Amino acid sequence: MGRNRMRLEARTRLVWWRPAGGVVLLMLALVVAGGSAPVATGGAESETRKTPEGGWNRVQADPANYREVVSELEPGDWLQLAPGDYPRALRLHDVQGTAERPIVISGPESGEPAVFHGRRGENTVSLLDAAHVVIRHLTLDGGGEPVSGVVAEAHGEYAHDITLESLTVRRYDRSQGNSAITTRVPAWNWVIRDSTIKDAGTGMYLGQPDGDNAFVGGRIENNRIVRTLGYNIQIKHQNSRDDVPGMPAEPRETLIRYNLLSKAERGSSGGRARPNLLVGHFPPTGAGAEDRYRIVGNLFYQNPHERLFQGEGNVALTNNLFVNHHGDALLVRPHNHVPRDVKILNNTLVAEGFGIRVDEPDPAHVQVVSGNAVFAGAPLQLSGGIDSRDNLTAERDEAEHALRAPDAALDALDLYPRPGRMYEREAPVTDQVKAKWPELEHDYNERPRLRPVWGAYAGPTGANPGRVPGIGPAAPECAPCR
């Protein structure tokens, strides 16, 4: 053990670069100076987690009459479904609430669930020109049929202000083309949270393959997505902002945070292999060109056949954990367009292949890779003149000496720094940067950054205190989620 510690400390002096005072402040100032225009997170950001108790017209339904009741829902109705097996689709066609009085459809919060079963020829939850609808506490079981779970149908005009919450979506795995959740029309202000997706062809497929019918201003948080054949999540590139009444014209942000994205099992190989998360570019010009992805506090776990993340366009990744014992971790590269405004800040990565790679970014935009702790076969591969000095880098096998349990299975995985092993940076995050990127004030656990430490964790010394209540998915098999 003594030899290992000395080896790590020696490598620290040779490989890990500790900048002189002031350089960290300069590098982080670039995040503000080079940032895109302010963006809105959408009406979803102000929503509360619990539906208010008063002011609702409560409606009851069961497997015998739910289809008739659904067709008559109006703003302010709260449809409460009885437990049981629902053999036909939940068709939400022209079902529209309002911002002040949405329509809520829910199953039991505990006990026996309301289970909707996949049926050949119809998607299980079918959205057609639906708006201001909340769907929660349902189980969707595809049964291996060639259908998808929740679908904003292609023959509609739009689906906006849709909240999917506390769903269990399983067995939509007839093929990789069957998705748990997908949008095929212009969609904006969606919230997808606190849900489990397991055994699906693709977990979420948002947008059309050709770049039309954009997914705009979404929030995807606290979900557990595992055992997918293809992507855990893919958000397609966007050719242009769709000209649909109500579609936001101002810059928007899609927030992806606190999710478990795992392809440790069942992933396709060869030409059908896919990353855990792929995000495509926003419109190159015009409305939507300043949109961005903000990807915060997620655990990207294992992918035997592909990288964990791939993205382009305007993207910021902060406080994430990346673990791939088989290959590569994080790749930003041209796909359907090019990387533009890119911020990769305070992540912890453990990967057999490369850690962080950025290829051919647009020189007209700013790219910053700063504050990351990278343990990988090739820690950093950065092109385009990106300054890589403000990162802690080491070979893959050094992770076990610096982190508590980087090689453990998911139920014991712990990337928290060992005391005295992750040398502190020279300066804390400035107030100016915190105002622009408030997530930098906290770490992966959502605890205050008490020390300017490399990587996703910067809480107190000692044992990993775990996440604050309400952060991360309900995943008892996932130690970093708890």
Protein backbone atom coordinates (compact mmCIF):
# COMPACT_ATOMS: atom_id res chain seq x y z
CA MET A 1 0.00 0.00 0.00
CA GLY A 2 2.90 2.33 0.82
CA ARG A 3 4.45 1.75 -2.61
CA ASN A 4 1.09 2.47 -4.31
CA ARG A 5 0.72 5.76 -2.45
CA MET A 6 4.22 6.85 -3.41
CA ARG A 7 3.63 5.88 -7.00
CA LEU A 8 0.46 7.94 -7.13
CA GLU A 9 2.08 10.98 -5.54
CA ALA A 10 5.04 10.76 -7.91
CA ARG A 11 2.73 10.55 -10.89
CA THR A 12 0.82 13.50 -9.52
CA ARG A 13 3.90 15.64 -9.72
CA LEU A 14 4.72 14.46 -13.22
CA VAL A 15 1.31 14.23 -14.87
CA TRP A 16 -1.24 16.19 -12.88
CA TRP A 17 -0.87 19.89 -13.51
CA ARG A 18 -1.58 22.35 -10.72
CA PRO A 19 -1.91 25.83 -12.22
CA ALA A 20 -0.35 28.87 -10.69
CA GLY A 21 -2.64 31.24 -8.81
CA GLY A 22 -5.04 33.11 -11.01
CA VAL A 23 -5.10 30.72 -13.97
CA VAL A 24 -8.14 28.85 -12.65
CA LEU A 25 -9.97 32.14 -12.26
CA LEU A 26 -9.04 33.07 -15.83
CA MET A 27 -10.12 29.74 -17.25
CA LEU A 28 -13.43 29.80 -15.41
CA ALA A 29 -13.99 33.42 -16.44
CA LEU A 30 -14.02 32.17 -20.01
CA VAL A 31 -17.16 30.26 -19.16
CA VAL A 32 -18.91 33.56 -18.57
CA ALA A 33 -17.18 35.58 -21.27
CA GLY A 34 -17.72 32.93 -23.91
CA GLY A 35 -21.15 31.80 -22.82
CA SER A 36 -24.18 31.91 -25.07
CA ALA A 37 -27.08 34.28 -24.52
CA PRO A 38 -29.26 33.73 -21.45
CA VAL A 39 -31.70 30.92 -21.99
CA ALA A 40 -34.97 30.00 -20.38
CA THR A 41 -35.62 26.59 -18.93
CA GLY A 42 -39.30 26.78 -19.73
CA GLY A 43 -42.49 26.83 -17.73
CA ALA A 44 -41.60 23.42 -16.37
CA GLU A 45 -38.87 24.92 -14.18
CA SER A 46 -41.40 26.60 -11.92
CA GLU A 47 -43.59 23.55 -11.43
CA THR A 48 -43.85 22.01 -7.98
CA ARG A 49 -43.49 18.28 -7.44
CA LYS A 50 -46.80 17.79 -5.70
CA THR A 51 -50.17 18.51 -7.24
CA PRO A 52 -52.12 21.02 -5.10
CA GLU A 53 -54.86 19.36 -3.10
CA GLY A 54 -57.59 21.91 -3.79
CA GLY A 55 -59.31 23.25 -6.88
CA TRP A 56 -59.60 20.00 -8.82
CA ASN A 57 -62.55 18.24 -10.32
CA ARG A 58 -61.72 14.68 -9.26
CA VAL A 59 -62.86 11.99 -11.66
CA GLN A 60 -62.68 8.24 -11.03
CA ALA A 61 -62.25 5.51 -13.65
CA ASP A 62 -61.31 1.84 -13.88
CA PRO A 63 -60.39 -0.65 -16.63
CA ALA A 64 -64.04 -0.91 -17.71
CA ASN A 65 -64.75 2.74 -18.44
CA TYR A 66 -61.50 4.72 -18.62
CA ARG A 67 -61.54 5.28 -22.39
CA GLU A 68 -64.92 6.99 -22.29
CA VAL A 69 -63.93 9.12 -19.29
CA VAL A 70 -60.63 10.20 -20.87
CA SER A 71 -62.36 11.47 -24.01
CA GLU A 72 -64.38 13.94 -21.90
CA LEU A 73 -61.61 15.41 -19.75
CA GLU A 74 -61.47 19.19 -19.42
CA PRO A 75 -59.04 21.68 -17.84
CA GLY A 76 -58.85 21.21 -14.08
CA ASP A 77 -59.90 17.55 -14.16
CA TRP A 78 -57.87 15.05 -12.16
CA LEU A 79 -58.53 11.54 -13.41
CA GLN A 80 -57.72 8.99 -10.73
CA LEU A 81 -57.39 5.48 -12.14
CA ALA A 82 -58.14 2.43 -10.04
CA PRO A 83 -55.54 -0.32 -9.72
CA GLY A 84 -55.85 -3.13 -12.26
CA ASP A 85 -54.98 -4.21 -15.79
CA TYR A 86 -55.84 -1.82 -18.61
CA PRO A 87 -55.88 -3.77 -21.86
CA ARG A 88 -56.16 -0.91 -24.37
CA ALA A 89 -54.23 2.29 -25.03
CA LEU A 90 -54.55 5.48 -23.05
CA ARG A 91 -55.53 7.75 -25.94
CA LEU A 92 -55.00 11.42 -25.19
CA HIS A 93 -56.20 12.90 -28.47
CA ASP A 94 -57.11 16.60 -28.35
CA VAL A 95 -56.88 16.42 -24.56
CA GLN A 96 -55.82 19.90 -23.52
CA GLY A 97 -55.58 21.60 -20.17
CA THR A 98 -54.23 25.09 -19.60
CA ALA A 99 -51.16 26.45 -17.84
CA GLU A 100 -53.32 27.40 -14.85
CA ARG A 101 -55.56 24.31 -14.96
CA PRO A 102 -53.76 21.30 -16.42
CA ILE A 103 -55.32 17.88 -16.78
CA VAL A 104 -53.87 15.26 -14.42
CA ILE A 105 -54.11 11.50 -14.98
CA SER A 106 -52.73 9.33 -12.20
CA GLY A 107 -52.71 5.80 -10.90
CA PRO A 108 -52.28 4.73 -7.27
CA GLU A 109 -49.19 6.12 -5.56
CA SER A 110 -48.72 2.89 -3.59
CA GLY A 111 -50.12 -0.61 -3.41
CA GLU A 112 -51.43 -2.35 -6.51
CA PRO A 113 -50.63 -0.32 -9.64
CA ALA A 114 -52.63 0.68 -12.68
CA VAL A 115 -50.94 -1.32 -15.46
CA PHE A 116 -51.42 -0.48 -19.13
CA HIS A 117 -50.46 -3.37 -21.38
CA GLY A 118 -48.91 -3.09 -24.82
CA ARG A 119 -51.24 -4.13 -27.61
CA ARG A 120 -50.22 -4.70 -31.20
CA GLY A 121 -51.37 -1.92 -33.49
CA GLU A 122 -51.48 0.91 -30.93
CA ASN A 123 -48.93 2.70 -28.79
CA THR A 124 -49.69 2.39 -25.11
CA VAL A 125 -50.02 6.10 -24.27
CA SER A 126 -50.92 7.96 -27.46
CA LEU A 127 -50.62 11.77 -27.47
CA LEU A 128 -52.20 13.66 -30.36
CA ASP A 129 -52.40 17.46 -30.16
CA ALA A 130 -52.23 17.24 -26.38
CA ALA A 131 -51.17 20.10 -24.11
CA HIS A 132 -50.82 20.82 -20.39
CA VAL A 133 -51.25 17.21 -19.36
CA VAL A 134 -49.66 15.49 -16.34
CA ILE A 135 -49.39 11.67 -16.33
CA ARG A 136 -48.09 9.99 -13.19
CA HIS A 137 -47.93 6.77 -11.18
CA LEU A 138 -48.70 4.41 -14.06
CA THR A 139 -47.00 1.18 -15.11
CA LEU A 140 -46.64 0.61 -18.86
CA ASP A 141 -45.79 -2.98 -19.82
CA GLY A 142 -45.05 -3.52 -23.50
CA GLY A 143 -45.00 -7.29 -23.20
CA GLY A 144 -42.48 -7.49 -26.05
CA GLU A 145 -45.05 -6.34 -28.60
CA PRO A 146 -43.89 -4.24 -31.61
CA VAL A 147 -45.18 -0.97 -30.08
CA SER A 148 -43.83 1.93 -28.06
CA GLY A 149 -44.77 3.23 -24.63
CA VAL A 150 -45.51 6.97 -24.63
CA VAL A 151 -45.68 8.48 -28.12
CA ALA A 152 -46.43 11.96 -29.40
CA GLU A 153 -47.90 10.66 -32.65
CA ALA A 154 -46.51 11.73 -36.02
CA HIS A 155 -49.94 12.51 -37.50
CA GLY A 156 -50.52 15.25 -34.92
CA GLU A 157 -49.45 18.89 -35.00
CA TYR A 158 -47.76 19.24 -31.60
CA ALA A 159 -47.49 18.02 -28.00
CA HIS A 160 -46.44 20.59 -25.44
CA ASP A 161 -46.33 21.10 -21.68
CA ILE A 162 -46.46 17.37 -21.02
CA THR A 163 -45.28 16.00 -17.66
CA LEU A 164 -44.46 12.30 -17.28
CA GLU A 165 -43.76 11.53 -13.65
CA SER A 166 -43.20 8.45 -11.51
CA LEU A 167 -43.83 6.01 -14.36
CA THR A 168 -42.56 2.46 -14.70
CA VAL A 169 -42.03 1.63 -18.38
CA ARG A 170 -40.83 -1.88 -19.18
CA ARG A 171 -40.57 -4.54 -21.90
CA TYR A 172 -40.77 -2.31 -24.98
CA ASP A 173 -37.93 -4.32 -26.44
CA ARG A 174 -39.28 -6.14 -29.48
CA SER A 175 -36.62 -4.29 -31.47
CA GLN A 176 -34.23 -1.40 -31.09
CA GLY A 177 -36.79 0.78 -32.86
CA ASN A 178 -39.35 0.36 -30.09
CA SER A 179 -39.03 3.18 -27.54
CA ALA A 180 -40.26 3.71 -24.02
CA ILE A 181 -40.89 7.43 -24.71
CA THR A 182 -40.74 9.16 -28.08
CA THR A 183 -41.82 12.39 -29.77
CA ARG A 184 -42.59 12.55 -33.48
CA VAL A 185 -44.07 16.05 -33.66
CA PRO A 186 -42.86 19.46 -32.46
CA ALA A 187 -42.66 19.14 -28.67
CA TRP A 188 -41.76 21.72 -26.05
CA ASN A 189 -41.86 22.16 -22.27
CA TRP A 190 -41.81 18.43 -21.52
CA VAL A 191 -40.86 17.19 -18.06
CA ILE A 192 -39.84 13.54 -17.68
CA ARG A 193 -38.86 12.71 -14.11
CA ASP A 194 -38.75 10.19 -11.28
CA SER A 195 -39.39 7.28 -13.66
CA THR A 196 -37.86 3.88 -14.37
CA ILE A 197 -37.32 2.62 -17.90
CA LYS A 198 -36.10 -0.95 -18.19
CA ASP A 199 -35.83 -3.39 -21.11
CA ALA A 200 -36.61 -1.08 -24.03
CA GLY A 201 -35.29 -0.88 -27.56
CA THR A 202 -34.52 2.78 -26.89
CA GLY A 203 -35.26 4.56 -23.63
CA MET A 204 -36.14 8.02 -24.95
CA TYR A 205 -36.07 9.03 -28.61
CA LEU A 206 -36.95 12.71 -28.81
CA GLY A 207 -37.30 14.30 -32.25
CA GLN A 208 -37.34 12.87 -35.74
CA PRO A 209 -34.38 11.13 -37.44
CA ASP A 210 -34.24 13.75 -40.20
CA GLY A 211 -33.91 16.70 -37.81
CA ASP A 212 -37.51 17.91 -38.10
CA ASN A 213 -40.10 18.08 -35.30
CA ALA A 214 -37.77 19.40 -32.63
CA PHE A 215 -37.78 18.66 -28.92
CA VAL A 216 -37.36 22.07 -27.25
CA GLY A 217 -36.89 23.24 -23.66
CA GLY A 218 -37.29 19.91 -21.88
CA ARG A 219 -36.37 18.76 -18.40
CA ILE A 220 -35.32 15.14 -17.85
CA GLU A 221 -34.42 14.38 -14.25
CA ASN A 222 -34.18 11.70 -11.56
CA ASN A 223 -34.81 8.84 -13.97
CA ARG A 224 -33.37 5.32 -13.93
CA ILE A 225 -32.84 4.01 -17.47
CA VAL A 226 -31.26 0.56 -17.78
CA ARG A 227 -31.04 -2.47 -20.07
CA THR A 228 -31.80 -0.70 -23.35
CA LEU A 229 -30.76 -2.22 -26.66
CA GLY A 230 -29.92 1.18 -28.14
CA TYR A 231 -29.67 4.59 -26.55
CA ASN A 232 -30.76 5.23 -23.02
CA ILE A 233 -31.64 8.69 -24.38
CA GLN A 234 -31.23 10.30 -27.78
CA ILE A 235 -32.30 13.86 -28.55
CA LYS A 236 -32.15 14.43 -32.27
CA HIS A 237 -30.48 17.30 -34.07
CA GLN A 238 -32.64 20.20 -35.24
CA ASN A 239 -32.65 21.69 -38.71
CA SER A 240 -34.75 24.70 -37.76
CA ARG A 241 -37.23 25.84 -35.14
CA ASP A 242 -40.64 24.54 -36.18
CA ASP A 243 -43.19 27.15 -37.22
CA VAL A 244 -45.99 26.00 -34.93
CA PRO A 245 -48.27 28.31 -32.90
CA GLY A 246 -46.96 28.52 -29.36
CA MET A 247 -43.48 27.20 -30.17
CA PRO A 248 -40.96 29.29 -28.17
CA ALA A 249 -38.92 31.68 -30.26
CA GLU A 250 -36.49 32.77 -27.51
CA PRO A 251 -33.37 30.73 -26.60
CA ARG A 252 -34.26 27.68 -24.54
CA GLU A 253 -32.40 25.11 -22.48
CA THR A 254 -32.91 21.37 -22.20
CA LEU A 255 -31.86 20.22 -18.75
CA ILE A 256 -30.77 16.62 -18.19
CA ARG A 257 -29.89 16.03 -14.55
CA TYR A 258 -29.60 13.45 -11.76
CA ASN A 259 -30.31 10.44 -13.99
CA LEU A 260 -28.82 6.93 -13.93
CA LEU A 261 -28.00 5.99 -17.53
CA SER A 262 -26.69 2.43 -17.68
CA LYS A 263 -25.91 0.14 -20.59
CA ALA A 264 -24.15 -2.48 -18.50
CA GLU A 265 -26.56 -5.11 -19.82
CA ARG A 266 -28.35 -5.98 -23.06
CA GLY A 267 -26.83 -3.30 -25.28
CA SER A 268 -26.57 -4.03 -29.00
CA SER A 269 -23.11 -4.55 -30.45
CA GLY A 270 -21.49 -3.94 -33.82
CA GLY A 271 -23.25 -1.51 -36.12
CA ARG A 272 -26.25 -1.22 -33.83
CA ALA A 273 -24.26 -0.18 -30.75
CA ARG A 274 -25.25 3.21 -29.34
CA PRO A 275 -24.02 5.60 -26.62
CA ASN A 276 -25.91 5.94 -23.35
CA LEU A 277 -26.78 9.54 -24.24
CA LEU A 278 -26.52 11.35 -27.55
CA VAL A 279 -27.56 14.96 -28.06
CA GLY A 280 -27.69 16.52 -31.50
CA HIS A 281 -27.13 20.12 -32.56
CA PHE A 282 -29.62 22.98 -32.44
CA PRO A 283 -30.56 25.00 -35.54
CA PRO A 284 -27.34 26.44 -37.02
CA THR A 285 -28.99 29.83 -37.61
CA GLY A 286 -32.15 31.66 -36.67
CA ALA A 287 -34.51 30.84 -33.83
CA GLY A 288 -33.07 28.10 -31.64
CA ALA A 289 -29.43 28.66 -32.60
CA GLU A 290 -28.60 29.80 -29.05
CA ASP A 291 -30.37 26.89 -27.35
CA ARG A 292 -28.21 24.63 -25.21
CA TYR A 293 -28.10 21.37 -23.29
CA ARG A 294 -27.23 21.55 -19.60
CA ILE A 295 -26.25 18.09 -18.37
CA VAL A 296 -25.70 18.00 -14.61
CA GLY A 297 -25.18 15.40 -11.91
CA ASN A 298 -25.83 12.26 -13.95
CA LEU A 299 -24.19 8.85 -13.59
CA PHE A 300 -23.18 7.41 -16.96
CA TYR A 301 -22.48 3.75 -16.20
CA GLN A 302 -20.86 1.18 -18.50
CA ASN A 303 -21.15 0.57 -22.19
CA PRO A 304 -19.35 -2.53 -23.50
CA HIS A 305 -19.79 -1.53 -27.15
CA GLU A 306 -19.81 2.28 -27.38
CA ARG A 307 -18.89 5.49 -25.60
CA LEU A 308 -20.99 6.77 -22.72
CA PHE A 309 -21.81 10.20 -24.15
CA GLN A 310 -21.71 11.89 -27.54
CA GLY A 311 -22.79 15.42 -28.36
CA GLU A 312 -22.40 18.44 -30.60
CA GLY A 313 -23.71 22.00 -30.80
CA ASN A 314 -24.10 23.97 -27.55
CA VAL A 315 -23.59 21.70 -24.57
CA ALA A 316 -22.46 22.02 -20.97
CA LEU A 317 -21.59 19.00 -18.81
CA THR A 318 -21.02 19.62 -15.11
CA ASN A 319 -20.72 17.45 -11.98
CA ASN A 320 -21.31 14.16 -13.82
CA LEU A 321 -19.79 10.74 -13.10
CA PHE A 322 -18.62 8.61 -16.04
CA VAL A 323 -17.63 4.98 -15.55
CA ASN A 324 -16.78 2.70 -18.46
CA HIS A 325 -14.59 -0.30 -17.68
CA HIS A 326 -14.84 -1.38 -21.33
CA GLY A 327 -14.07 1.67 -23.46
CA ASP A 328 -14.52 5.40 -23.92
CA ALA A 329 -16.33 8.01 -21.84
CA LEU A 330 -17.15 11.46 -23.26
CA LEU A 331 -16.99 12.51 -26.92
CA VAL A 332 -17.93 15.86 -28.44
CA ARG A 333 -17.57 15.77 -32.21
CA PRO A 334 -19.25 16.67 -35.51
CA HIS A 335 -22.22 14.42 -36.20
CA ASN A 336 -24.84 16.30 -38.18
CA HIS A 337 -23.20 19.68 -37.54
CA VAL A 338 -20.25 20.77 -35.34
CA PRO A 339 -19.44 21.42 -31.69
CA ARG A 340 -20.00 25.09 -30.90
CA ASP A 341 -20.26 26.43 -27.34
CA VAL A 342 -18.87 23.58 -25.20
CA LYS A 343 -18.28 23.59 -21.43
CA ILE A 344 -17.01 20.42 -19.70
CA LEU A 345 -16.56 21.32 -16.04
CA ASN A 346 -15.92 19.43 -12.79
CA ASN A 347 -16.73 15.90 -13.92
CA THR A 348 -15.13 12.67 -12.67
CA LEU A 349 -14.33 10.09 -15.34
CA VAL A 350 -12.96 6.54 -15.08
CA ALA A 351 -12.58 4.88 -18.48
CA GLU A 352 -10.52 2.17 -20.12
CA GLY A 353 -10.37 4.14 -23.37
CA PHE A 354 -10.32 7.91 -23.71
CA GLY A 355 -11.73 10.14 -21.01
CA ILE A 356 -12.67 13.42 -22.71
CA ARG A 357 -12.33 13.95 -26.44
CA VAL A 358 -13.35 17.06 -28.37
CA ASP A 359 -12.97 16.97 -32.17
CA GLU A 360 -13.14 19.85 -34.65
CA PRO A 361 -15.02 22.48 -32.64
CA ASP A 362 -16.15 25.69 -34.33
CA PRO A 363 -13.40 28.27 -33.66
CA ALA A 364 -15.99 31.05 -33.66
CA HIS A 365 -17.28 29.72 -30.32
CA VAL A 366 -15.61 29.07 -26.97
CA GLN A 367 -14.81 25.62 -25.61
CA VAL A 368 -13.66 25.12 -22.01
CA VAL A 369 -12.54 21.83 -20.44
CA SER A 370 -11.75 22.62 -16.82
CA GLY A 371 -11.73 21.16 -13.33
CA ASN A 372 -12.24 17.55 -14.37
CA ALA A 373 -10.69 14.49 -12.72
CA VAL A 374 -9.91 12.03 -15.51
CA PHE A 375 -8.55 8.51 -15.01
CA ALA A 376 -8.34 6.89 -18.43
CA GLY A 377 -6.22 5.12 -20.99
CA ALA A 378 -6.04 8.46 -22.85
CA PRO A 379 -7.35 11.09 -20.41
CA LEU A 380 -7.69 14.08 -22.76
CA GLN A 381 -7.82 14.31 -26.54
CA LEU A 382 -8.64 17.91 -27.38
CA SER A 383 -8.39 19.68 -30.73
CA GLY A 384 -8.99 23.25 -31.77
CA GLY A 385 -6.61 24.87 -29.31
CA ILE A 386 -8.63 24.01 -26.19
CA ASP A 387 -6.57 24.64 -23.06
CA SER A 388 -6.36 21.33 -21.21
CA ARG A 389 -4.08 22.34 -18.32
CA ASP A 390 -6.75 22.95 -15.68
CA ASN A 391 -7.62 19.27 -15.20
CA LEU A 392 -6.36 16.43 -13.06
CA THR A 393 -5.33 13.57 -15.34
CA ALA A 394 -3.87 10.16 -14.62
CA GLU A 395 -3.73 6.67 -16.06
CA ARG A 396 -6.72 4.42 -15.59
CA ASP A 397 -5.08 2.19 -12.97
CA GLU A 398 -4.43 5.17 -10.68
CA ALA A 399 -8.15 5.56 -10.00
CA GLU A 400 -8.16 2.97 -7.21
CA HIS A 401 -5.50 4.97 -5.33
CA ALA A 402 -7.30 8.33 -5.62
CA LEU A 403 -10.97 7.28 -5.40
CA ARG A 404 -12.68 5.10 -2.81
CA ALA A 405 -14.14 2.27 -4.92
CA PRO A 406 -13.93 3.02 -8.67
CA ASP A 407 -13.80 -0.65 -9.69
CA ALA A 408 -16.70 -1.90 -7.57
CA ALA A 409 -20.01 -3.02 -9.00
CA LEU A 410 -22.84 -0.50 -9.14
CA ASP A 411 -24.14 -1.39 -5.70
CA ALA A 412 -20.81 -0.40 -4.10
CA LEU A 413 -19.32 2.02 -6.64
CA ASP A 414 -17.79 5.10 -4.97
CA LEU A 415 -15.88 7.80 -6.85
CA TYR A 416 -15.51 10.00 -3.78
CA PRO A 417 -11.92 11.19 -3.32
CA ARG A 418 -9.72 9.49 -0.76
CA PRO A 419 -8.39 11.96 1.83
CA GLY A 420 -5.24 13.71 0.69
CA ARG A 421 -5.23 12.14 -2.78
CA MET A 422 -7.12 14.68 -4.90
CA TYR A 423 -5.00 17.80 -4.58
CA GLU A 424 -6.92 21.01 -4.24
CA ARG A 425 -7.02 23.57 -6.99
CA GLU A 426 -5.60 27.01 -6.44
CA ALA A 427 -8.82 29.03 -6.30
CA PRO A 428 -12.54 28.55 -5.75
CA VAL A 429 -15.22 29.21 -8.30
CA THR A 430 -15.88 32.93 -8.56
CA ASP A 431 -19.21 34.57 -7.81
CA GLN A 432 -19.38 35.68 -11.43
CA VAL A 433 -19.15 32.09 -12.63
CA LYS A 434 -21.67 30.88 -10.02
CA ALA A 435 -24.16 33.43 -11.31
CA LYS A 436 -23.79 32.03 -14.83
CA TRP A 437 -23.52 28.34 -13.85
CA PRO A 438 -25.14 27.94 -10.41
CA GLU A 439 -24.55 24.18 -10.41
CA LEU A 440 -20.83 24.85 -9.90
CA GLU A 441 -21.65 26.00 -6.38
CA HIS A 442 -22.64 22.41 -5.52
CA ASP A 443 -21.21 19.00 -6.32
CA TYR A 444 -22.63 15.72 -7.62
CA ASN A 445 -24.34 15.08 -4.29
CA GLU A 446 -25.92 18.57 -4.46
CA ARG A 447 -23.90 19.50 -1.39
CA PRO A 448 -22.02 22.82 -1.24
CA ARG A 449 -18.55 22.84 -2.76
CA LEU A 450 -16.59 23.39 0.42
CA ARG A 451 -13.19 23.07 -1.27
CA PRO A 452 -11.94 23.79 -4.79
CA VAL A 453 -11.37 20.12 -5.59
CA TRP A 454 -11.05 18.46 -8.98
CA GLY A 455 -13.97 16.42 -10.26
CA ALA A 456 -17.63 16.00 -9.46
CA TYR A 457 -17.31 15.64 -5.67
CA ALA A 458 -16.21 18.52 -3.45
CA GLY A 459 -18.06 17.96 -0.21
CA PRO A 460 -16.51 17.35 3.21
CA THR A 461 -13.44 15.19 3.73
CA GLY A 462 -14.01 11.68 5.01
CA ALA A 463 -16.68 9.24 3.89
CA ASN A 464 -19.02 9.99 1.00
CA PRO A 465 -22.08 11.62 2.65
CA GLY A 466 -24.38 10.65 -0.22
CA ARG A 467 -26.90 12.75 -2.07
CA VAL A 468 -29.21 15.23 -0.42
CA PRO A 469 -32.86 14.09 -0.20
CA GLY A 470 -34.84 14.28 -3.42
CA ILE A 471 -31.79 14.19 -5.71
CA GLY A 472 -31.32 11.24 -8.04
CA PRO A 473 -33.51 8.29 -9.02
CA ALA A 474 -35.00 5.68 -6.71
CA ALA A 475 -32.39 3.06 -7.57
CA PRO A 476 -31.44 0.97 -4.51
CA GLU A 477 -28.91 -1.03 -6.54
CA CYS A 478 -26.96 2.17 -7.36
CA ALA A 479 -24.65 3.34 -4.57
CA PRO A 480 -23.85 6.78 -6.10
CA CYS A 481 -27.58 7.42 -6.56
CA ARG A 482 -28.29 7.17 -2.86
